[in-house]
Amino acid sequence: MSLKKIIDCIRKGNNFLITSHTSPEGDALGSELAFYLMLKKLGKNAWVVNEDPVPDVYGFLPAKDVIKKFDHNAQSIKFDIFVALDCSDLKRTGEVYRLNTKNAKIVNIDHHISNINFGTINWVEPYVSSASEMIYSLYKAMRIPFDSQIALLLYVGMLTDTGSFRYSNTRSPTHLAAAELLKYDIDVVQVYRNTYENIPLEDIRLLNKILPNMKVAFDGKVAWFQVDKKLLREHIDASFDLSEHLLSFARSIKGIEVVLVFKENFDAENEVRINFRSQGKVDVNKVASYFGGGGHKTASGATVHGKINNVRRQVLAKVKATLK
């Protein structure tokens, strides 16, 4: 069983490098930080390295300061276990996957149906709500006690990946896990405000530029946004990761089946990050997989090389074909 192999690997390993996907959100951050704190409880050496910094909205997360942004210094970290959380493909970690893993075991812990089992050890549960719920189960299996910090991290991960327990990936075990975590004095009102009602003013100004340019196509079934570098440069103090706000807004529009956000990578040339969301009739995982990405039936992502207008046309053509 994969979980048993993971536990055995943790007990025998000594030096762990932990990472997650680019543009990390609540589940990526919650699961990797909870995994880090678990290793520290066990007396292990551990480092957390991500390609992108922690978004401002998650500044309230405990232990967030242990996360290091990937740079040349990461090359000097000596590790024997490479842990990728919430990643369907190793390349979803961005440049982090280029670290020398030749002599390391790769541990793949994920809940995406598109996962390609890239690890030496793979624990993939497509029907679990989140990577954070999986780490909750890992704590239980290893009989490691929770504390207020760990409980908060796992709760935030489950909260965000289930859309505040509204999405179809919310199951009975998810609620049971959340119920146990709430015993550790989580202020659910404050967590919700920190996560969803804490948008900086500069981000609102940027949203005010993007929202009027929303496009609707294919008989009102598809909505999309395009965010280019020029706009990002004009709002240099914004968080740059407003995709969830855009996606949530457009999903609430009557008749919309699919929402897409096309965003130029601010730090790279001719690279476009795409977020896909579906109400359920369209499997956006299949569309994202066609472009080298993946995720879930109703929520996926991809990074595509090319000019943003060309990428947008190609992706929309594929979405149109999927609607037929």
C-alpha atoms as a PDB file:
ATOM      1  CA  MET A   1       0.000   0.000   0.000  1.00  0.00           C
ATOM      2  CA  SER A   2       1.336   3.444  -0.958  1.00  0.00           C
ATOM      3  CA  LEU A   3       0.622   5.025   2.420  1.00  0.00           C
ATOM      4  CA  LYS A   4       2.647   2.341   4.193  1.00  0.00           C
ATOM      5  CA  LYS A   5       5.546   2.940   1.801  1.00  0.00           C
ATOM      6  CA  ILE A   6       5.357   6.675   2.513  1.00  0.00           C
ATOM      7  CA  ILE A   7       5.454   6.048   6.255  1.00  0.00           C
ATOM      8  CA  ASP A   8       8.411   3.692   5.916  1.00  0.00           C
ATOM      9  CA  CYS A   9      10.245   6.267   3.788  1.00  0.00           C
ATOM     10  CA  ILE A  10       9.616   8.991   6.366  1.00  0.00           C
ATOM     11  CA  ARG A  11      10.827   6.868   9.249  1.00  0.00           C
ATOM     12  CA  LYS A  12      14.037   5.819   7.447  1.00  0.00           C
ATOM     13  CA  GLY A  13      14.833   9.140   5.746  1.00  0.00           C
ATOM     14  CA  ASN A  14      16.855  11.949   7.285  1.00  0.00           C
ATOM     15  CA  ASN A  15      17.043  14.917   4.905  1.00  0.00           C
ATOM     16  CA  PHE A  16      13.880  16.043   3.126  1.00  0.00           C
ATOM     17  CA  LEU A  17      13.307  18.735   0.515  1.00  0.00           C
ATOM     18  CA  ILE A  18       9.620  19.641   0.249  1.00  0.00           C
ATOM     19  CA  THR A  19       7.954  21.539  -2.578  1.00  0.00           C
ATOM     20  CA  SER A  20       4.646  22.104  -4.339  1.00  0.00           C
ATOM     21  CA  HIS A  21       3.340  23.652  -7.548  1.00  0.00           C
ATOM     22  CA  THR A  22       3.912  27.124  -8.968  1.00  0.00           C
ATOM     23  CA  SER A  23       1.501  29.872  -7.870  1.00  0.00           C
ATOM     24  CA  PRO A  24       0.824  28.078  -4.577  1.00  0.00           C
ATOM     25  CA  GLU A  25      -2.580  28.409  -2.968  1.00  0.00           C
ATOM     26  CA  GLY A  26      -4.068  27.232   0.323  1.00  0.00           C
ATOM     27  CA  ASP A  27      -3.784  23.502  -0.254  1.00  0.00           C
ATOM     28  CA  ALA A  28      -0.237  23.607  -1.610  1.00  0.00           C
ATOM     29  CA  LEU A  29       0.951  25.758   1.287  1.00  0.00           C
ATOM     30  CA  GLY A  30      -1.093  24.039   3.971  1.00  0.00           C
ATOM     31  CA  SER A  31      -0.019  20.537   2.999  1.00  0.00           C
ATOM     32  CA  GLU A  32       3.683  21.291   2.590  1.00  0.00           C
ATOM     33  CA  LEU A  33       3.952  23.277   5.822  1.00  0.00           C
ATOM     34  CA  ALA A  34       2.047  20.615   7.767  1.00  0.00           C
ATOM     35  CA  PHE A  35       4.362  17.984   6.267  1.00  0.00           C
ATOM     36  CA  TYR A  36       7.372  20.088   7.284  1.00  0.00           C
ATOM     37  CA  LEU A  37       6.135  20.427  10.883  1.00  0.00           C
ATOM     38  CA  MET A  38       5.515  16.680  11.027  1.00  0.00           C
ATOM     39  CA  LEU A  39       9.116  16.004  10.015  1.00  0.00           C
ATOM     40  CA  LYS A  40      10.400  18.436  12.635  1.00  0.00           C
ATOM     41  CA  LYS A  41       8.348  16.610  15.278  1.00  0.00           C
ATOM     42  CA  LEU A  42      10.153  13.443  14.188  1.00  0.00           C
ATOM     43  CA  GLY A  43      13.563  15.097  14.474  1.00  0.00           C
ATOM     44  CA  LYS A  44      14.249  15.118  10.720  1.00  0.00           C
ATOM     45  CA  ASN A  45      16.077  17.725   8.659  1.00  0.00           C
ATOM     46  CA  ALA A  46      13.695  19.465   6.270  1.00  0.00           C
ATOM     47  CA  TRP A  47      13.598  22.392   3.839  1.00  0.00           C
ATOM     48  CA  VAL A  48      10.663  23.868   1.918  1.00  0.00           C
ATOM     49  CA  VAL A  49      11.517  25.404  -1.468  1.00  0.00           C
ATOM     50  CA  ASN A  50       8.957  26.808  -3.929  1.00  0.00           C
ATOM     51  CA  GLU A  51       9.406  28.551  -7.254  1.00  0.00           C
ATOM     52  CA  ASP A  52       6.981  31.319  -6.291  1.00  0.00           C
ATOM     53  CA  PRO A  53       6.703  33.284  -3.032  1.00  0.00           C
ATOM     54  CA  VAL A  54       3.846  32.902  -0.569  1.00  0.00           C
ATOM     55  CA  PRO A  55       0.942  35.095  -1.757  1.00  0.00           C
ATOM     56  CA  ASP A  56       0.146  37.966   0.603  1.00  0.00           C
ATOM     57  CA  VAL A  57      -3.313  36.572   1.291  1.00  0.00           C
ATOM     58  CA  TYR A  58      -1.709  33.588   3.040  1.00  0.00           C
ATOM     59  CA  GLY A  59       0.555  35.702   5.213  1.00  0.00           C
ATOM     60  CA  PHE A  60      -1.365  34.529   8.292  1.00  0.00           C
ATOM     61  CA  LEU A  61      -0.258  30.903   7.920  1.00  0.00           C
ATOM     62  CA  PRO A  62       1.979  29.612  10.707  1.00  0.00           C
ATOM     63  CA  ALA A  63       5.531  28.581   9.763  1.00  0.00           C
ATOM     64  CA  LYS A  64       5.239  30.341   6.369  1.00  0.00           C
ATOM     65  CA  ASP A  65       8.669  31.900   6.846  1.00  0.00           C
ATOM     66  CA  VAL A  66      10.382  28.511   6.446  1.00  0.00           C
ATOM     67  CA  ILE A  67       9.414  28.550   2.754  1.00  0.00           C
ATOM     68  CA  LYS A  68      12.322  29.668   0.603  1.00  0.00           C
ATOM     69  CA  LYS A  69      11.944  30.971  -2.939  1.00  0.00           C
ATOM     70  CA  PHE A  70      13.931  28.899  -5.411  1.00  0.00           C
ATOM     71  CA  ASP A  71      17.315  30.394  -6.328  1.00  0.00           C
ATOM     72  CA  HIS A  72      20.898  29.235  -6.851  1.00  0.00           C
ATOM     73  CA  ASN A  73      21.298  28.637  -3.101  1.00  0.00           C
ATOM     74  CA  ALA A  74      18.810  25.769  -3.316  1.00  0.00           C
ATOM     75  CA  GLN A  75      21.388  23.817  -5.293  1.00  0.00           C
ATOM     76  CA  SER A  76      23.495  23.476  -2.140  1.00  0.00           C
ATOM     77  CA  ILE A  77      20.801  21.708  -0.107  1.00  0.00           C
ATOM     78  CA  LYS A  78      21.754  18.105   0.574  1.00  0.00           C
ATOM     79  CA  PHE A  79      18.678  15.892   0.623  1.00  0.00           C
ATOM     80  CA  ASP A  80      17.924  12.215   0.182  1.00  0.00           C
ATOM     81  CA  ILE A  81      14.126  12.516  -0.071  1.00  0.00           C
ATOM     82  CA  PHE A  82      12.411  14.909  -2.513  1.00  0.00           C
ATOM     83  CA  VAL A  83       8.737  15.408  -1.584  1.00  0.00           C
ATOM     84  CA  ALA A  84       6.331  16.886  -4.157  1.00  0.00           C
ATOM     85  CA  LEU A  85       2.900  17.762  -2.778  1.00  0.00           C
ATOM     86  CA  ASP A  86      -0.232  18.625  -4.755  1.00  0.00           C
ATOM     87  CA  CYS A  87       1.549  18.219  -8.121  1.00  0.00           C
ATOM     88  CA  SER A  88       0.196  16.088 -10.955  1.00  0.00           C
ATOM     89  CA  ASP A  89       3.548  16.299 -12.756  1.00  0.00           C
ATOM     90  CA  LEU A  90       7.038  17.032 -11.460  1.00  0.00           C
ATOM     91  CA  LYS A  91       7.310  19.974 -13.856  1.00  0.00           C
ATOM     92  CA  ARG A  92       4.435  21.643 -11.987  1.00  0.00           C
ATOM     93  CA  THR A  93       7.051  22.546  -9.370  1.00  0.00           C
ATOM     94  CA  GLY A  94       8.607  24.980 -11.853  1.00  0.00           C
ATOM     95  CA  GLU A  95      12.379  25.267 -11.732  1.00  0.00           C
ATOM     96  CA  VAL A  96      12.515  23.289  -8.481  1.00  0.00           C
ATOM     97  CA  TYR A  97      12.234  20.034 -10.415  1.00  0.00           C
ATOM     98  CA  ARG A  98      15.645  20.763 -11.953  1.00  0.00           C
ATOM     99  CA  LEU A  99      17.370  20.159  -8.617  1.00  0.00           C
ATOM    100  CA  ASN A 100      19.615  17.118  -8.668  1.00  0.00           C
ATOM    101  CA  THR A 101      17.398  14.226  -7.570  1.00  0.00           C
ATOM    102  CA  LYS A 102      19.657  11.548  -9.062  1.00  0.00           C
ATOM    103  CA  ASN A 103      20.482  10.015  -5.690  1.00  0.00           C
ATOM    104  CA  ALA A 104      17.205  10.894  -3.974  1.00  0.00           C
ATOM    105  CA  LYS A 105      13.875   9.149  -3.648  1.00  0.00           C
ATOM    106  CA  ILE A 106      11.013  11.169  -5.097  1.00  0.00           C
ATOM    107  CA  VAL A 107       7.858  11.027  -2.978  1.00  0.00           C
ATOM    108  CA  ASN A 108       4.718  11.992  -4.890  1.00  0.00           C
ATOM    109  CA  ILE A 109       1.694  12.853  -2.703  1.00  0.00           C
ATOM    110  CA  ASP A 110      -1.228  14.154  -4.716  1.00  0.00           C
ATOM    111  CA  HIS A 111      -4.981  14.082  -5.315  1.00  0.00           C
ATOM    112  CA  HIS A 112      -5.185  14.992  -9.019  1.00  0.00           C
ATOM    113  CA  ILE A 113      -6.721  12.476 -11.397  1.00  0.00           C
ATOM    114  CA  SER A 114      -4.172  13.532 -14.032  1.00  0.00           C
ATOM    115  CA  ASN A 115      -1.179  12.528 -11.880  1.00  0.00           C
ATOM    116  CA  ILE A 116       1.376  10.588 -13.942  1.00  0.00           C
ATOM    117  CA  ASN A 117       2.919   8.693 -10.989  1.00  0.00           C
ATOM    118  CA  PHE A 118       6.293  10.359 -11.449  1.00  0.00           C
ATOM    119  CA  GLY A 119       7.675   9.403  -8.058  1.00  0.00           C
ATOM    120  CA  THR A 120       9.810   6.621  -6.689  1.00  0.00           C
ATOM    121  CA  ILE A 121       6.907   6.266  -4.266  1.00  0.00           C
ATOM    122  CA  ASN A 122       3.470   7.433  -5.379  1.00  0.00           C
ATOM    123  CA  TRP A 123       0.519   8.059  -3.078  1.00  0.00           C
ATOM    124  CA  VAL A 124      -2.235   9.403  -5.302  1.00  0.00           C
ATOM    125  CA  GLU A 125      -5.871   9.634  -4.159  1.00  0.00           C
ATOM    126  CA  PRO A 126      -7.990  11.298  -6.880  1.00  0.00           C
ATOM    127  CA  TYR A 127     -11.199  11.200  -4.841  1.00  0.00           C
ATOM    128  CA  VAL A 128      -9.780  12.915  -1.768  1.00  0.00           C
ATOM    129  CA  SER A 129     -10.605  16.611  -1.499  1.00  0.00           C
ATOM    130  CA  SER A 130      -7.076  17.910  -1.154  1.00  0.00           C
ATOM    131  CA  ALA A 131      -3.452  17.150  -0.449  1.00  0.00           C
ATOM    132  CA  SER A 132      -4.093  18.591   2.998  1.00  0.00           C
ATOM    133  CA  GLU A 133      -6.732  15.946   3.709  1.00  0.00           C
ATOM    134  CA  MET A 134      -4.165  13.328   2.681  1.00  0.00           C
ATOM    135  CA  ILE A 135      -1.608  14.779   5.107  1.00  0.00           C
ATOM    136  CA  TYR A 136      -4.309  14.715   7.795  1.00  0.00           C
ATOM    137  CA  SER A 137      -4.651  10.973   7.121  1.00  0.00           C
ATOM    138  CA  LEU A 138      -0.865  10.601   7.257  1.00  0.00           C
ATOM    139  CA  TYR A 139      -0.764  12.192  10.707  1.00  0.00           C
ATOM    140  CA  LYS A 140      -3.501   9.816  11.858  1.00  0.00           C
ATOM    141  CA  ALA A 141      -1.780   6.761  10.397  1.00  0.00           C
ATOM    142  CA  MET A 142       1.519   7.690  12.056  1.00  0.00           C
ATOM    143  CA  ARG A 143      -0.222   8.612  15.320  1.00  0.00           C
ATOM    144  CA  ILE A 144       1.429  12.007  15.391  1.00  0.00           C
ATOM    145  CA  PRO A 145      -0.611  14.465  17.470  1.00  0.00           C
ATOM    146  CA  PHE A 146      -1.999  17.638  15.937  1.00  0.00           C
ATOM    147  CA  ASP A 147      -1.462  21.044  17.470  1.00  0.00           C
ATOM    148  CA  SER A 148      -3.039  24.428  16.782  1.00  0.00           C
ATOM    149  CA  GLN A 149      -0.571  25.331  14.016  1.00  0.00           C
ATOM    150  CA  ILE A 150      -0.854  22.031  12.162  1.00  0.00           C
ATOM    151  CA  ALA A 151      -4.641  22.008  12.506  1.00  0.00           C
ATOM    152  CA  LEU A 152      -4.884  25.508  11.026  1.00  0.00           C
ATOM    153  CA  LEU A 153      -2.661  24.615   8.062  1.00  0.00           C
ATOM    154  CA  LEU A 154      -4.634  21.492   7.204  1.00  0.00           C
ATOM    155  CA  TYR A 155      -7.972  23.240   7.681  1.00  0.00           C
ATOM    156  CA  VAL A 156      -6.983  26.091   5.339  1.00  0.00           C
ATOM    157  CA  GLY A 157      -5.864  23.542   2.742  1.00  0.00           C
ATOM    158  CA  MET A 158      -9.179  21.716   2.841  1.00  0.00           C
ATOM    159  CA  LEU A 159     -11.202  24.937   3.014  1.00  0.00           C
ATOM    160  CA  THR A 160      -9.638  26.428  -0.104  1.00  0.00           C
ATOM    161  CA  ASP A 161      -9.567  23.310  -2.276  1.00  0.00           C
ATOM    162  CA  THR A 162     -13.232  22.550  -1.570  1.00  0.00           C
ATOM    163  CA  GLY A 163     -14.367  26.129  -2.154  1.00  0.00           C
ATOM    164  CA  SER A 164     -15.377  26.470   1.500  1.00  0.00           C
ATOM    165  CA  PHE A 165     -16.779  22.926   1.415  1.00  0.00           C
ATOM    166  CA  ARG A 166     -19.057  23.741  -1.557  1.00  0.00           C
ATOM    167  CA  TYR A 167     -17.414  21.808  -4.400  1.00  0.00           C
ATOM    168  CA  SER A 168     -18.174  18.240  -5.443  1.00  0.00           C
ATOM    169  CA  ASN A 169     -14.888  16.989  -3.969  1.00  0.00           C
ATOM    170  CA  THR A 170     -16.310  17.589  -0.476  1.00  0.00           C
ATOM    171  CA  ARG A 171     -17.096  14.189   1.036  1.00  0.00           C
ATOM    172  CA  SER A 172     -18.089  12.831   4.424  1.00  0.00           C
ATOM    173  CA  PRO A 173     -14.435  12.126   5.429  1.00  0.00           C
ATOM    174  CA  THR A 174     -13.590  15.742   4.565  1.00  0.00           C
ATOM    175  CA  HIS A 175     -16.153  17.062   7.032  1.00  0.00           C
ATOM    176  CA  LEU A 176     -15.052  14.564   9.673  1.00  0.00           C
ATOM    177  CA  ALA A 177     -11.429  15.664   9.274  1.00  0.00           C
ATOM    178  CA  ALA A 178     -12.397  19.338   9.466  1.00  0.00           C
ATOM    179  CA  ALA A 179     -14.506  18.647  12.557  1.00  0.00           C
ATOM    180  CA  GLU A 180     -11.539  17.113  14.361  1.00  0.00           C
ATOM    181  CA  LEU A 181      -9.237  19.982  13.372  1.00  0.00           C
ATOM    182  CA  LEU A 182     -11.724  22.516  14.745  1.00  0.00           C
ATOM    183  CA  LYS A 183     -11.079  21.102  18.214  1.00  0.00           C
ATOM    184  CA  TYR A 184      -7.762  22.966  18.125  1.00  0.00           C
ATOM    185  CA  ASP A 185      -9.312  26.418  18.574  1.00  0.00           C
ATOM    186  CA  ILE A 186      -9.429  27.466  14.933  1.00  0.00           C
ATOM    187  CA  ASP A 187     -11.219  30.795  14.548  1.00  0.00           C
ATOM    188  CA  VAL A 188     -13.225  29.887  11.442  1.00  0.00           C
ATOM    189  CA  VAL A 189     -14.559  33.417  10.977  1.00  0.00           C
ATOM    190  CA  GLN A 190     -11.082  34.947  11.033  1.00  0.00           C
ATOM    191  CA  VAL A 191      -9.699  32.229   8.743  1.00  0.00           C
ATOM    192  CA  TYR A 192     -12.453  32.945   6.217  1.00  0.00           C
ATOM    193  CA  ARG A 193     -11.818  36.688   6.386  1.00  0.00           C
ATOM    194  CA  ASN A 194      -8.070  36.236   6.022  1.00  0.00           C
ATOM    195  CA  THR A 195      -8.535  33.965   3.022  1.00  0.00           C
ATOM    196  CA  TYR A 196     -11.441  35.523   1.146  1.00  0.00           C
ATOM    197  CA  GLU A 197     -12.054  39.027   2.515  1.00  0.00           C
ATOM    198  CA  ASN A 198      -8.541  40.417   2.708  1.00  0.00           C
ATOM    199  CA  ILE A 199      -7.854  41.789  -0.767  1.00  0.00           C
ATOM    200  CA  PRO A 200      -5.294  44.635  -0.865  1.00  0.00           C
ATOM    201  CA  LEU A 201      -6.456  47.899  -2.431  1.00  0.00           C
ATOM    202  CA  GLU A 202      -3.903  47.638  -5.260  1.00  0.00           C
ATOM    203  CA  ASP A 203      -5.344  44.237  -6.165  1.00  0.00           C
ATOM    204  CA  ILE A 204      -8.821  45.779  -6.358  1.00  0.00           C
ATOM    205  CA  ARG A 205      -7.469  48.408  -8.740  1.00  0.00           C
ATOM    206  CA  LEU A 206      -6.019  45.671 -10.918  1.00  0.00           C
ATOM    207  CA  LEU A 207      -9.278  43.704 -10.812  1.00  0.00           C
ATOM    208  CA  ASN A 208     -11.068  46.880 -11.859  1.00  0.00           C
ATOM    209  CA  LYS A 209      -8.931  46.889 -15.021  1.00  0.00           C
ATOM    210  CA  ILE A 210      -9.381  43.176 -15.783  1.00  0.00           C
ATOM    211  CA  LEU A 211     -13.079  42.561 -15.088  1.00  0.00           C
ATOM    212  CA  PRO A 212     -14.489  44.980 -17.719  1.00  0.00           C
ATOM    213  CA  ASN A 213     -12.457  43.113 -20.347  1.00  0.00           C
ATOM    214  CA  MET A 214     -13.968  39.725 -19.595  1.00  0.00           C
ATOM    215  CA  LYS A 215     -14.997  38.003 -22.824  1.00  0.00           C
ATOM    216  CA  VAL A 216     -17.879  35.562 -23.254  1.00  0.00           C
ATOM    217  CA  ALA A 217     -17.978  33.112 -26.157  1.00  0.00           C
ATOM    218  CA  PHE A 218     -19.671  30.011 -27.568  1.00  0.00           C
ATOM    219  CA  ASP A 219     -23.311  30.901 -26.905  1.00  0.00           C
ATOM    220  CA  GLY A 220     -22.573  32.304 -23.478  1.00  0.00           C
ATOM    221  CA  LYS A 221     -21.034  29.096 -22.154  1.00  0.00           C
ATOM    222  CA  VAL A 222     -17.393  30.188 -21.841  1.00  0.00           C
ATOM    223  CA  ALA A 223     -15.922  33.227 -20.104  1.00  0.00           C
ATOM    224  CA  TRP A 224     -12.257  34.173 -20.216  1.00  0.00           C
ATOM    225  CA  PHE A 225      -9.824  36.795 -18.991  1.00  0.00           C
ATOM    226  CA  GLN A 226      -6.423  37.786 -20.341  1.00  0.00           C
ATOM    227  CA  VAL A 227      -3.761  39.320 -18.094  1.00  0.00           C
ATOM    228  CA  ASP A 228      -0.603  40.485 -19.854  1.00  0.00           C
ATOM    229  CA  LYS A 229       2.718  41.789 -18.577  1.00  0.00           C
ATOM    230  CA  LYS A 230       1.939  45.377 -19.509  1.00  0.00           C
ATOM    231  CA  LEU A 231      -1.029  45.417 -17.165  1.00  0.00           C
ATOM    232  CA  LEU A 232       0.964  43.740 -14.399  1.00  0.00           C
ATOM    233  CA  ARG A 233       3.752  46.307 -14.737  1.00  0.00           C
ATOM    234  CA  GLU A 234       1.207  49.105 -14.338  1.00  0.00           C
ATOM    235  CA  HIS A 235       0.164  47.533 -11.032  1.00  0.00           C
ATOM    236  CA  ILE A 236       3.528  46.368  -9.767  1.00  0.00           C
ATOM    237  CA  ASP A 237       2.352  46.382  -6.128  1.00  0.00           C
ATOM    238  CA  ALA A 238      -0.500  43.961  -6.786  1.00  0.00           C
ATOM    239  CA  SER A 239      -0.158  40.319  -5.749  1.00  0.00           C
ATOM    240  CA  PHE A 240      -0.209  39.181  -9.425  1.00  0.00           C
ATOM    241  CA  ASP A 241      -2.256  36.122  -8.450  1.00  0.00           C
ATOM    242  CA  LEU A 242      -5.853  37.216  -8.718  1.00  0.00           C
ATOM    243  CA  SER A 243      -6.917  34.178 -10.707  1.00  0.00           C
ATOM    244  CA  GLU A 244      -9.136  32.736  -7.981  1.00  0.00           C
ATOM    245  CA  HIS A 245     -11.086  35.990  -7.665  1.00  0.00           C
ATOM    246  CA  LEU A 246     -11.598  36.156 -11.428  1.00  0.00           C
ATOM    247  CA  LEU A 247     -12.586  32.503 -11.669  1.00  0.00           C
ATOM    248  CA  SER A 248     -15.013  32.740  -8.769  1.00  0.00           C
ATOM    249  CA  PHE A 249     -16.667  35.845 -10.200  1.00  0.00           C
ATOM    250  CA  ALA A 250     -17.160  34.399 -13.682  1.00  0.00           C
ATOM    251  CA  ARG A 251     -18.384  31.018 -12.400  1.00  0.00           C
ATOM    252  CA  SER A 252     -21.282  32.799 -10.718  1.00  0.00           C
ATOM    253  CA  ILE A 253     -22.635  34.113 -14.041  1.00  0.00           C
ATOM    254  CA  LYS A 254     -25.790  32.418 -15.287  1.00  0.00           C
ATOM    255  CA  GLY A 255     -25.161  30.015 -18.163  1.00  0.00           C
ATOM    256  CA  ILE A 256     -21.365  29.932 -17.875  1.00  0.00           C
ATOM    257  CA  GLU A 257     -19.978  26.393 -18.092  1.00  0.00           C
ATOM    258  CA  VAL A 258     -16.227  27.053 -18.397  1.00  0.00           C
ATOM    259  CA  VAL A 259     -14.004  29.885 -17.166  1.00  0.00           C
ATOM    260  CA  LEU A 260     -10.390  30.465 -18.194  1.00  0.00           C
ATOM    261  CA  VAL A 261      -7.704  32.892 -17.077  1.00  0.00           C
ATOM    262  CA  PHE A 262      -4.707  33.424 -19.370  1.00  0.00           C
ATOM    263  CA  LYS A 263      -1.843  35.127 -17.575  1.00  0.00           C
ATOM    264  CA  GLU A 264       1.617  35.932 -18.904  1.00  0.00           C
ATOM    265  CA  ASN A 265       4.420  34.791 -16.630  1.00  0.00           C
ATOM    266  CA  PHE A 266       5.952  38.015 -15.333  1.00  0.00           C
ATOM    267  CA  ASP A 267       9.381  36.405 -14.936  1.00  0.00           C
ATOM    268  CA  ALA A 268       9.660  34.536 -18.250  1.00  0.00           C
ATOM    269  CA  GLU A 269       9.356  35.259 -21.958  1.00  0.00           C
ATOM    270  CA  ASN A 270       6.556  33.700 -24.000  1.00  0.00           C
ATOM    271  CA  GLU A 271       5.153  31.633 -21.147  1.00  0.00           C
ATOM    272  CA  VAL A 272       1.445  31.624 -20.315  1.00  0.00           C
ATOM    273  CA  ARG A 273      -0.154  30.195 -17.205  1.00  0.00           C
ATOM    274  CA  ILE A 274      -3.732  29.067 -17.686  1.00  0.00           C
ATOM    275  CA  ASN A 275      -6.385  28.359 -15.066  1.00  0.00           C
ATOM    276  CA  PHE A 276      -9.425  26.296 -16.045  1.00  0.00           C
ATOM    277  CA  ARG A 277     -12.693  25.960 -14.124  1.00  0.00           C
ATOM    278  CA  SER A 278     -15.825  24.051 -15.081  1.00  0.00           C
ATOM    279  CA  GLN A 279     -19.293  23.718 -13.627  1.00  0.00           C
ATOM    280  CA  GLY A 280     -19.074  19.971 -14.259  1.00  0.00           C
ATOM    281  CA  LYS A 281     -20.401  19.317 -17.759  1.00  0.00           C
ATOM    282  CA  VAL A 282     -17.011  19.927 -19.383  1.00  0.00           C
ATOM    283  CA  ASP A 283     -13.949  17.963 -18.249  1.00  0.00           C
ATOM    284  CA  VAL A 284     -11.315  20.702 -18.191  1.00  0.00           C
ATOM    285  CA  ASN A 285      -8.687  18.197 -17.053  1.00  0.00           C
ATOM    286  CA  LYS A 286      -8.790  16.712 -20.560  1.00  0.00           C
ATOM    287  CA  VAL A 287      -8.310  20.142 -22.119  1.00  0.00           C
ATOM    288  CA  ALA A 288      -5.476  21.054 -19.753  1.00  0.00           C
ATOM    289  CA  SER A 289      -3.808  17.667 -20.308  1.00  0.00           C
ATOM    290  CA  TYR A 290      -3.785  18.301 -24.059  1.00  0.00           C
ATOM    291  CA  PHE A 291      -1.602  21.347 -23.355  1.00  0.00           C
ATOM    292  CA  GLY A 292       0.695  19.566 -20.924  1.00  0.00           C
ATOM    293  CA  GLY A 293      -1.190  20.446 -17.751  1.00  0.00           C
ATOM    294  CA  GLY A 294      -3.870  18.710 -15.751  1.00  0.00           C
ATOM    295  CA  GLY A 295      -5.730  18.582 -12.483  1.00  0.00           C
ATOM    296  CA  HIS A 296      -9.360  17.718 -11.878  1.00  0.00           C
ATOM    297  CA  LYS A 297     -12.487  17.488 -14.016  1.00  0.00           C
ATOM    298  CA  THR A 298     -13.718  20.843 -12.709  1.00  0.00           C
ATOM    299  CA  ALA A 299     -10.425  22.608 -11.910  1.00  0.00           C
ATOM    300  CA  SER A 300      -7.144  22.368 -13.794  1.00  0.00           C
ATOM    301  CA  GLY A 301      -4.110  24.340 -14.864  1.00  0.00           C
ATOM    302  CA  ALA A 302      -1.409  24.402 -17.513  1.00  0.00           C
ATOM    303  CA  THR A 303       1.703  26.341 -18.448  1.00  0.00           C
ATOM    304  CA  VAL A 304       2.130  26.786 -22.194  1.00  0.00           C
ATOM    305  CA  HIS A 305       5.043  28.301 -24.091  1.00  0.00           C
ATOM    306  CA  GLY A 306       4.076  30.816 -26.760  1.00  0.00           C
ATOM    307  CA  LYS A 307       2.682  34.290 -27.260  1.00  0.00           C
ATOM    308  CA  ILE A 308      -0.415  34.848 -25.157  1.00  0.00           C
ATOM    309  CA  ASN A 309      -2.758  35.618 -28.088  1.00  0.00           C
ATOM    310  CA  ASN A 310      -1.718  32.474 -29.953  1.00  0.00           C
ATOM    311  CA  VAL A 311      -2.022  30.331 -26.831  1.00  0.00           C
ATOM    312  CA  ARG A 312      -5.458  31.757 -26.086  1.00  0.00           C
ATOM    313  CA  ARG A 313      -6.739  30.987 -29.595  1.00  0.00           C
ATOM    314  CA  GLN A 314      -5.456  27.395 -29.445  1.00  0.00           C
ATOM    315  CA  VAL A 315      -6.946  26.728 -26.026  1.00  0.00           C
ATOM    316  CA  LEU A 316     -10.317  28.277 -26.855  1.00  0.00           C
ATOM    317  CA  ALA A 317     -10.497  26.185 -30.029  1.00  0.00           C
ATOM    318  CA  LYS A 318      -9.968  23.051 -27.938  1.00  0.00           C
ATOM    319  CA  VAL A 319     -12.610  24.155 -25.439  1.00  0.00           C
ATOM    320  CA  LYS A 320     -15.044  24.829 -28.285  1.00  0.00           C
ATOM    321  CA  ALA A 321     -14.481  21.321 -29.652  1.00  0.00           C
ATOM    322  CA  THR A 322     -15.077  19.883 -26.186  1.00  0.00           C
ATOM    323  CA  LEU A 323     -18.419  21.687 -25.888  1.00  0.00           C
ATOM    324  CA  LYS A 324     -19.818  19.937 -28.964  1.00  0.00           C
END
